[in-house]
Amino acid sequence: EEGEVKNFLVDDRYKQMIEFLHKCWKAGLI
């Protein structure tokens, strides 16, 4: 990101994505 090497496994945006997927799983959508 802008020339800086990062890892999404510890990025809050990854946490946000998992929370959405858990919401989908809990609703039986996956």
PDB file of all heavy atoms in Angstrom:
ATOM      1  N   GLU A   1       0.856  -1.190   0.000  1.00  0.00           N
ATOM      2  CA  GLU A   1       0.000   0.000   0.000  1.00  0.00           C
ATOM      3  C   GLU A   1       0.887   1.233   0.000  1.00  0.00           C
ATOM      4  O   GLU A   1       1.657   1.455   0.941  1.00  0.00           O
ATOM      5  CB  GLU A   1      -0.909  -0.026   1.229  1.00  0.00           C
ATOM      6  CG  GLU A   1      -2.096   0.898   1.146  1.00  0.00           C
ATOM      7  CD  GLU A   1      -3.153   0.551   2.191  1.00  0.00           C
ATOM      8  OE1 GLU A   1      -2.779   0.327   3.366  1.00  0.00           O
ATOM      9  OE2 GLU A   1      -4.347   0.493   1.839  1.00  0.00           O
ATOM     10  N   GLU A   2       0.838   1.981  -1.095  1.00  0.00           N
ATOM     11  CA  GLU A   2       1.678   3.168  -1.257  1.00  0.00           C
ATOM     12  C   GLU A   2       3.150   2.865  -0.996  1.00  0.00           C
ATOM     13  O   GLU A   2       3.862   3.626  -0.335  1.00  0.00           O
ATOM     14  CB  GLU A   2       1.188   4.289  -0.328  1.00  0.00           C
ATOM     15  CG  GLU A   2      -0.157   4.870  -0.709  1.00  0.00           C
ATOM     16  CD  GLU A   2      -0.123   5.574  -2.069  1.00  0.00           C
ATOM     17  OE1 GLU A   2       0.836   6.319  -2.334  1.00  0.00           O
ATOM     18  OE2 GLU A   2      -1.039   5.332  -2.875  1.00  0.00           O
ATOM     19  N   GLY A   3       3.606   1.739  -1.518  1.00  0.00           N
ATOM     20  CA  GLY A   3       5.013   1.391  -1.420  1.00  0.00           C
ATOM     21  C   GLY A   3       5.422   0.742  -0.111  1.00  0.00           C
ATOM     22  O   GLY A   3       6.586   0.382   0.057  1.00  0.00           O
ATOM     23  N   GLU A   4       4.481   0.555   0.790  1.00  0.00           N
ATOM     24  CA  GLU A   4       4.800  -0.065   2.079  1.00  0.00           C
ATOM     25  C   GLU A   4       4.271  -1.501   2.103  1.00  0.00           C
ATOM     26  O   GLU A   4       3.095  -1.745   1.830  1.00  0.00           O
ATOM     27  CB  GLU A   4       4.176   0.722   3.235  1.00  0.00           C
ATOM     28  CG  GLU A   4       4.507   0.151   4.608  1.00  0.00           C
ATOM     29  CD  GLU A   4       3.873   0.932   5.749  1.00  0.00           C
ATOM     30  OE1 GLU A   4       3.290   2.009   5.489  1.00  0.00           O
ATOM     31  OE2 GLU A   4       3.956   0.461   6.911  1.00  0.00           O
ATOM     32  N   VAL A   5       5.141  -2.444   2.418  1.00  0.00           N
ATOM     33  CA  VAL A   5       4.743  -3.840   2.513  1.00  0.00           C
ATOM     34  C   VAL A   5       3.998  -4.058   3.835  1.00  0.00           C
ATOM     35  O   VAL A   5       4.483  -3.681   4.902  1.00  0.00           O
ATOM     36  CB  VAL A   5       5.963  -4.782   2.428  1.00  0.00           C
ATOM     37  CG1 VAL A   5       5.523  -6.242   2.557  1.00  0.00           C
ATOM     38  CG2 VAL A   5       6.714  -4.569   1.121  1.00  0.00           C
ATOM     39  N   LYS A   6       2.828  -4.674   3.744  1.00  0.00           N
ATOM     40  CA  LYS A   6       1.992  -4.913   4.915  1.00  0.00           C
ATOM     41  C   LYS A   6       1.467  -6.339   4.889  1.00  0.00           C
ATOM     42  O   LYS A   6       1.666  -7.082   3.928  1.00  0.00           O
ATOM     43  CB  LYS A   6       0.811  -3.926   4.940  1.00  0.00           C
ATOM     44  CG  LYS A   6       1.220  -2.457   4.987  1.00  0.00           C
ATOM     45  CD  LYS A   6      -0.016  -1.550   5.009  1.00  0.00           C
ATOM     46  CE  LYS A   6       0.375  -0.083   5.072  1.00  0.00           C
ATOM     47  NZ  LYS A   6      -0.819   0.820   5.108  1.00  0.00           N
ATOM     48  N   ASN A   7       0.753  -6.716   5.948  1.00  0.00           N
ATOM     49  CA  ASN A   7       0.110  -8.030   5.998  1.00  0.00           C
ATOM     50  C   ASN A   7      -1.310  -7.852   6.506  1.00  0.00           C
ATOM     51  O   ASN A   7      -1.532  -7.340   7.616  1.00  0.00           O
ATOM     52  CB  ASN A   7       0.878  -8.989   6.904  1.00  0.00           C
ATOM     53  CG  ASN A   7       0.426 -10.432   6.696  1.00  0.00           C
ATOM     54  OD1 ASN A   7      -0.724 -10.778   6.910  1.00  0.00           O
ATOM     55  ND2 ASN A   7       1.358 -11.279   6.273  1.00  0.00           N
ATOM     56  N   PHE A   8      -2.282  -8.276   5.691  1.00  0.00           N
ATOM     57  CA  PHE A   8      -3.674  -8.049   6.074  1.00  0.00           C
ATOM     58  C   PHE A   8      -4.131  -8.921   7.236  1.00  0.00           C
ATOM     59  O   PHE A   8      -5.181  -8.659   7.839  1.00  0.00           O
ATOM     60  CB  PHE A   8      -4.625  -8.183   4.878  1.00  0.00           C
ATOM     61  CG  PHE A   8      -4.763  -9.555   4.276  1.00  0.00           C
ATOM     62  CD1 PHE A   8      -5.328 -10.612   4.973  1.00  0.00           C
ATOM     63  CD2 PHE A   8      -4.383  -9.793   2.954  1.00  0.00           C
ATOM     64  CE1 PHE A   8      -5.497 -11.868   4.409  1.00  0.00           C
ATOM     65  CE2 PHE A   8      -4.544 -11.041   2.372  1.00  0.00           C
ATOM     66  CZ  PHE A   8      -5.096 -12.084   3.097  1.00  0.00           C
ATOM     67  N   LEU A   9      -3.366  -9.959   7.577  1.00  0.00           N
ATOM     68  CA  LEU A   9      -3.777 -10.844   8.670  1.00  0.00           C
ATOM     69  C   LEU A   9      -3.867 -10.120  10.007  1.00  0.00           C
ATOM     70  O   LEU A   9      -4.529 -10.602  10.924  1.00  0.00           O
ATOM     71  CB  LEU A   9      -2.804 -12.020   8.794  1.00  0.00           C
ATOM     72  CG  LEU A   9      -2.758 -12.977   7.592  1.00  0.00           C
ATOM     73  CD1 LEU A   9      -1.645 -14.003   7.783  1.00  0.00           C
ATOM     74  CD2 LEU A   9      -4.092 -13.683   7.398  1.00  0.00           C
ATOM     75  N   VAL A  10      -3.197  -8.978  10.110  1.00  0.00           N
ATOM     76  CA  VAL A  10      -3.271  -8.192  11.349  1.00  0.00           C
ATOM     77  C   VAL A  10      -3.848  -6.806  11.075  1.00  0.00           C
ATOM     78  O   VAL A  10      -3.705  -5.899  11.897  1.00  0.00           O
ATOM     79  CB  VAL A  10      -1.885  -8.076  12.013  1.00  0.00           C
ATOM     80  CG1 VAL A  10      -1.430  -9.432  12.525  1.00  0.00           C
ATOM     81  CG2 VAL A  10      -0.838  -7.501  11.056  1.00  0.00           C
ATOM     82  N   ASP A  11      -4.514  -6.645   9.957  1.00  0.00           N
ATOM     83  CA  ASP A  11      -5.099  -5.363   9.571  1.00  0.00           C
ATOM     84  C   ASP A  11      -6.563  -5.328  10.020  1.00  0.00           C
ATOM     85  O   ASP A  11      -7.301  -6.300   9.844  1.00  0.00           O
ATOM     86  CB  ASP A  11      -4.998  -5.203   8.048  1.00  0.00           C
ATOM     87  CG  ASP A  11      -5.287  -3.792   7.572  1.00  0.00           C
ATOM     88  OD1 ASP A  11      -6.434  -3.336   7.764  1.00  0.00           O
ATOM     89  OD2 ASP A  11      -4.379  -3.161   7.013  1.00  0.00           O
ATOM     90  N   ASP A  12      -6.989  -4.216  10.566  1.00  0.00           N
ATOM     91  CA  ASP A  12      -8.372  -4.102  11.041  1.00  0.00           C
ATOM     92  C   ASP A  12      -9.386  -4.315   9.916  1.00  0.00           C
ATOM     93  O   ASP A  12     -10.538  -4.703  10.171  1.00  0.00           O
ATOM     94  CB  ASP A  12      -8.601  -2.733  11.684  1.00  0.00           C
ATOM     95  CG  ASP A  12      -8.005  -2.639  13.087  1.00  0.00           C
ATOM     96  OD1 ASP A  12      -7.738  -3.697  13.691  1.00  0.00           O
ATOM     97  OD2 ASP A  12      -7.795  -1.512  13.565  1.00  0.00           O
ATOM     98  N   ARG A  13      -8.988  -4.063   8.681  1.00  0.00           N
ATOM     99  CA  ARG A  13      -9.905  -4.268   7.549  1.00  0.00           C
ATOM    100  C   ARG A  13     -10.167  -5.758   7.317  1.00  0.00           C
ATOM    101  O   ARG A  13     -11.252  -6.134   6.857  1.00  0.00           O
ATOM    102  CB  ARG A  13      -9.326  -3.594   6.293  1.00  0.00           C
ATOM    103  CG  ARG A  13      -9.338  -2.076   6.375  1.00  0.00           C
ATOM    104  CD  ARG A  13      -8.548  -1.442   5.247  1.00  0.00           C
ATOM    105  NE  ARG A  13      -7.101  -1.607   5.430  1.00  0.00           N
ATOM    106  CZ  ARG A  13      -6.178  -1.067   4.627  1.00  0.00           C
ATOM    107  NH1 ARG A  13      -6.554  -0.339   3.582  1.00  0.00           N
ATOM    108  NH2 ARG A  13      -4.886  -1.264   4.868  1.00  0.00           N
ATOM    109  N   TYR A  14      -9.195  -6.583   7.635  1.00  0.00           N
ATOM    110  CA  TYR A  14      -9.390  -8.040   7.586  1.00  0.00           C
ATOM    111  C   TYR A  14     -10.390  -8.463   8.653  1.00  0.00           C
ATOM    112  O   TYR A  14     -11.277  -9.289   8.402  1.00  0.00           O
ATOM    113  CB  TYR A  14      -8.035  -8.707   7.790  1.00  0.00           C
ATOM    114  CG  TYR A  14      -8.037 -10.217   7.874  1.00  0.00           C
ATOM    115  CD1 TYR A  14      -8.342 -11.003   6.771  1.00  0.00           C
ATOM    116  CD2 TYR A  14      -7.681 -10.860   9.061  1.00  0.00           C
ATOM    117  CE1 TYR A  14      -8.294 -12.393   6.832  1.00  0.00           C
ATOM    118  CE2 TYR A  14      -7.627 -12.248   9.143  1.00  0.00           C
ATOM    119  CZ  TYR A  14      -7.944 -13.004   8.031  1.00  0.00           C
ATOM    120  OH  TYR A  14      -7.890 -14.387   8.114  1.00  0.00           O
ATOM    121  N   LYS A  15     -10.265  -7.889   9.827  1.00  0.00           N
ATOM    122  CA  LYS A  15     -11.213  -8.157  10.917  1.00  0.00           C
ATOM    123  C   LYS A  15     -12.632  -7.763  10.489  1.00  0.00           C
ATOM    124  O   LYS A  15     -13.602  -8.500  10.725  1.00  0.00           O
ATOM    125  CB  LYS A  15     -10.807  -7.375  12.165  1.00  0.00           C
ATOM    126  CG  LYS A  15     -11.759  -7.481  13.346  1.00  0.00           C
ATOM    127  CD  LYS A  15     -11.162  -6.752  14.549  1.00  0.00           C
ATOM    128  CE  LYS A  15     -12.085  -6.801  15.749  1.00  0.00           C
ATOM    129  NZ  LYS A  15     -13.252  -5.900  15.611  1.00  0.00           N
ATOM    130  N   GLN A  16     -12.739  -6.635   9.826  1.00  0.00           N
ATOM    131  CA  GLN A  16     -14.037  -6.168   9.349  1.00  0.00           C
ATOM    132  C   GLN A  16     -14.642  -7.154   8.351  1.00  0.00           C
ATOM    133  O   GLN A  16     -15.850  -7.454   8.402  1.00  0.00           O
ATOM    134  CB  GLN A  16     -13.864  -4.788   8.699  1.00  0.00           C
ATOM    135  CG  GLN A  16     -15.141  -4.130   8.213  1.00  0.00           C
ATOM    136  CD  GLN A  16     -14.876  -2.778   7.557  1.00  0.00           C
ATOM    137  OE1 GLN A  16     -13.735  -2.465   7.191  1.00  0.00           O
ATOM    138  NE2 GLN A  16     -15.911  -1.968   7.396  1.00  0.00           N
ATOM    139  N   MET A  17     -13.820  -7.679   7.466  1.00  0.00           N
ATOM    140  CA  MET A  17     -14.303  -8.647   6.478  1.00  0.00           C
ATOM    141  C   MET A  17     -14.781  -9.928   7.161  1.00  0.00           C
ATOM    142  O   MET A  17     -15.834 -10.484   6.808  1.00  0.00           O
ATOM    143  CB  MET A  17     -13.196  -8.973   5.481  1.00  0.00           C
ATOM    144  CG  MET A  17     -13.599  -9.970   4.403  1.00  0.00           C
ATOM    145  SD  MET A  17     -12.192 -10.683   3.539  1.00  0.00           S
ATOM    146  CE  MET A  17     -11.539 -11.802   4.802  1.00  0.00           C
ATOM    147  N   ILE A  18     -14.013 -10.418   8.134  1.00  0.00           N
ATOM    148  CA  ILE A  18     -14.415 -11.645   8.833  1.00  0.00           C
ATOM    149  C   ILE A  18     -15.719 -11.437   9.580  1.00  0.00           C
ATOM    150  O   ILE A  18     -16.576 -12.335   9.630  1.00  0.00           O
ATOM    151  CB  ILE A  18     -13.292 -12.110   9.778  1.00  0.00           C
ATOM    152  CG1 ILE A  18     -12.111 -12.634   8.953  1.00  0.00           C
ATOM    153  CG2 ILE A  18     -13.790 -13.202  10.714  1.00  0.00           C
ATOM    154  CD1 ILE A  18     -10.936 -13.105   9.768  1.00  0.00           C
ATOM    155  N   GLU A  19     -15.901 -10.286  10.175  1.00  0.00           N
ATOM    156  CA  GLU A  19     -17.157 -10.003  10.875  1.00  0.00           C
ATOM    157  C   GLU A  19     -18.332 -10.070   9.907  1.00  0.00           C
ATOM    158  O   GLU A  19     -19.399 -10.603  10.254  1.00  0.00           O
ATOM    159  CB  GLU A  19     -17.074  -8.623  11.537  1.00  0.00           C
ATOM    160  CG  GLU A  19     -16.150  -8.590  12.744  1.00  0.00           C
ATOM    161  CD  GLU A  19     -15.912  -7.189  13.274  1.00  0.00           C
ATOM    162  OE1 GLU A  19     -16.019  -6.225  12.487  1.00  0.00           O
ATOM    163  OE2 GLU A  19     -15.593  -7.056  14.474  1.00  0.00           O
ATOM    164  N   PHE A  20     -18.144  -9.564   8.690  1.00  0.00           N
ATOM    165  CA  PHE A  20     -19.215  -9.653   7.696  1.00  0.00           C
ATOM    166  C   PHE A  20     -19.478 -11.106   7.310  1.00  0.00           C
ATOM    167  O   PHE A  20     -20.639 -11.541   7.212  1.00  0.00           O
ATOM    168  CB  PHE A  20     -18.861  -8.828   6.463  1.00  0.00           C
ATOM    169  CG  PHE A  20     -19.811  -9.040   5.311  1.00  0.00           C
ATOM    170  CD1 PHE A  20     -21.107  -8.549   5.364  1.00  0.00           C
ATOM    171  CD2 PHE A  20     -19.414  -9.747   4.177  1.00  0.00           C
ATOM    172  CE1 PHE A  20     -21.996  -8.750   4.313  1.00  0.00           C
ATOM    173  CE2 PHE A  20     -20.287  -9.962   3.126  1.00  0.00           C
ATOM    174  CZ  PHE A  20     -21.583  -9.461   3.187  1.00  0.00           C
ATOM    175  N   LEU A  21     -18.421 -11.879   7.097  1.00  0.00           N
ATOM    176  CA  LEU A  21     -18.597 -13.277   6.713  1.00  0.00           C
ATOM    177  C   LEU A  21     -19.233 -14.094   7.843  1.00  0.00           C
ATOM    178  O   LEU A  21     -20.033 -15.002   7.580  1.00  0.00           O
ATOM    179  CB  LEU A  21     -17.248 -13.880   6.312  1.00  0.00           C
ATOM    180  CG  LEU A  21     -16.652 -13.332   5.006  1.00  0.00           C
ATOM    181  CD1 LEU A  21     -15.226 -13.841   4.808  1.00  0.00           C
ATOM    182  CD2 LEU A  21     -17.513 -13.712   3.805  1.00  0.00           C
ATOM    183  N   HIS A  22     -18.897 -13.776   9.083  1.00  0.00           N
ATOM    184  CA  HIS A  22     -19.553 -14.461  10.204  1.00  0.00           C
ATOM    185  C   HIS A  22     -21.049 -14.136  10.243  1.00  0.00           C
ATOM    186  O   HIS A  22     -21.876 -15.025  10.502  1.00  0.00           O
ATOM    187  CB  HIS A  22     -18.902 -14.064  11.524  1.00  0.00           C
ATOM    188  CG  HIS A  22     -19.632 -14.598  12.727  1.00  0.00           C
ATOM    189  ND1 HIS A  22     -19.790 -15.951  12.955  1.00  0.00           N
ATOM    190  CD2 HIS A  22     -20.281 -13.965  13.746  1.00  0.00           C
ATOM    191  CE1 HIS A  22     -20.487 -16.135  14.071  1.00  0.00           C
ATOM    192  NE2 HIS A  22     -20.800 -14.946  14.565  1.00  0.00           N
ATOM    193  N   LYS A  23     -21.365 -12.905   9.951  1.00  0.00           N
ATOM    194  CA  LYS A  23     -22.777 -12.513   9.879  1.00  0.00           C
ATOM    195  C   LYS A  23     -23.501 -13.347   8.820  1.00  0.00           C
ATOM    196  O   LYS A  23     -24.618 -13.835   9.046  1.00  0.00           O
ATOM    197  CB  LYS A  23     -22.867 -11.020   9.551  1.00  0.00           C
ATOM    198  CG  LYS A  23     -24.283 -10.487   9.367  1.00  0.00           C
ATOM    199  CD  LYS A  23     -24.244  -9.010   8.978  1.00  0.00           C
ATOM    200  CE  LYS A  23     -25.642  -8.482   8.676  1.00  0.00           C
ATOM    201  NZ  LYS A  23     -25.602  -7.041   8.241  1.00  0.00           N
ATOM    202  N   CYS A  24     -22.844 -13.536   7.687  1.00  0.00           N
ATOM    203  CA  CYS A  24     -23.437 -14.351   6.613  1.00  0.00           C
ATOM    204  C   CYS A  24     -23.558 -15.812   7.048  1.00  0.00           C
ATOM    205  O   CYS A  24     -24.577 -16.470   6.793  1.00  0.00           O
ATOM    206  CB  CYS A  24     -22.591 -14.248   5.347  1.00  0.00           C
ATOM    207  SG  CYS A  24     -22.602 -12.628   4.560  1.00  0.00           S
ATOM    208  N   TRP A  25     -22.518 -16.323   7.692  1.00  0.00           N
ATOM    209  CA  TRP A  25     -22.549 -17.719   8.134  1.00  0.00           C
ATOM    210  C   TRP A  25     -23.666 -17.939   9.164  1.00  0.00           C
ATOM    211  O   TRP A  25     -24.417 -18.926   9.078  1.00  0.00           O
ATOM    212  CB  TRP A  25     -21.192 -18.116   8.731  1.00  0.00           C
ATOM    213  CG  TRP A  25     -21.137 -19.545   9.183  1.00  0.00           C
ATOM    214  CD1 TRP A  25     -21.553 -20.051  10.381  1.00  0.00           C
ATOM    215  CD2 TRP A  25     -20.674 -20.669   8.426  1.00  0.00           C
ATOM    216  NE1 TRP A  25     -21.371 -21.406  10.430  1.00  0.00           N
ATOM    217  CE2 TRP A  25     -20.833 -21.815   9.237  1.00  0.00           C
ATOM    218  CE3 TRP A  25     -20.127 -20.819   7.159  1.00  0.00           C
ATOM    219  CZ2 TRP A  25     -20.463 -23.088   8.817  1.00  0.00           C
ATOM    220  CZ3 TRP A  25     -19.765 -22.088   6.728  1.00  0.00           C
ATOM    221  CH2 TRP A  25     -19.935 -23.208   7.551  1.00  0.00           C
ATOM    222  N   LYS A  26     -23.743 -17.047  10.115  1.00  0.00           N
ATOM    223  CA  LYS A  26     -24.740 -17.173  11.176  1.00  0.00           C
ATOM    224  C   LYS A  26     -26.153 -17.165  10.613  1.00  0.00           C
ATOM    225  O   LYS A  26     -27.060 -17.834  11.144  1.00  0.00           O
ATOM    226  CB  LYS A  26     -24.563 -16.039  12.185  1.00  0.00           C
ATOM    227  CG  LYS A  26     -25.370 -16.194  13.455  1.00  0.00           C
ATOM    228  CD  LYS A  26     -25.037 -15.090  14.445  1.00  0.00           C
ATOM    229  CE  LYS A  26     -25.835 -15.233  15.741  1.00  0.00           C
ATOM    230  NZ  LYS A  26     -25.498 -14.149  16.704  1.00  0.00           N
ATOM    231  N   ALA A  27     -26.338 -16.453   9.511  1.00  0.00           N
ATOM    232  CA  ALA A  27     -27.657 -16.391   8.873  1.00  0.00           C
ATOM    233  C   ALA A  27     -27.886 -17.556   7.914  1.00  0.00           C
ATOM    234  O   ALA A  27     -28.932 -17.617   7.257  1.00  0.00           O
ATOM    235  CB  ALA A  27     -27.801 -15.070   8.122  1.00  0.00           C
ATOM    236  N   GLY A  28     -26.906 -18.464   7.822  1.00  0.00           N
ATOM    237  CA  GLY A  28     -27.054 -19.628   6.953  1.00  0.00           C
ATOM    238  C   GLY A  28     -26.878 -19.330   5.481  1.00  0.00           C
ATOM    239  O   GLY A  28     -27.392 -20.062   4.624  1.00  0.00           O
ATOM    240  N   LEU A  29     -26.123 -18.286   5.160  1.00  0.00           N
ATOM    241  CA  LEU A  29     -26.003 -17.852   3.779  1.00  0.00           C
ATOM    242  C   LEU A  29     -24.786 -18.438   3.062  1.00  0.00           C
ATOM    243  O   LEU A  29     -24.683 -18.330   1.842  1.00  0.00           O
ATOM    244  CB  LEU A  29     -25.937 -16.312   3.725  1.00  0.00           C
ATOM    245  CG  LEU A  29     -27.092 -15.578   4.434  1.00  0.00           C
ATOM    246  CD1 LEU A  29     -26.924 -14.081   4.291  1.00  0.00           C
ATOM    247  CD2 LEU A  29     -28.438 -16.042   3.902  1.00  0.00           C
ATOM    248  N   ILE A  30     -23.860 -19.022   3.805  1.00  0.00           N
ATOM    249  CA  ILE A  30     -22.662 -19.622   3.216  1.00  0.00           C
ATOM    250  C   ILE A  30     -22.814 -21.135   3.220  1.00  0.00           C
ATOM    251  O   ILE A  30     -23.340 -21.712   4.172  1.00  0.00           O
ATOM    252  CB  ILE A  30     -21.408 -19.209   4.011  1.00  0.00           C
ATOM    253  CG1 ILE A  30     -21.201 -17.689   3.956  1.00  0.00           C
ATOM    254  CG2 ILE A  30     -20.157 -19.913   3.470  1.00  0.00           C
ATOM    255  CD1 ILE A  30     -20.047 -17.184   4.803  1.00  0.00           C
TER     256      ILE A  30
END
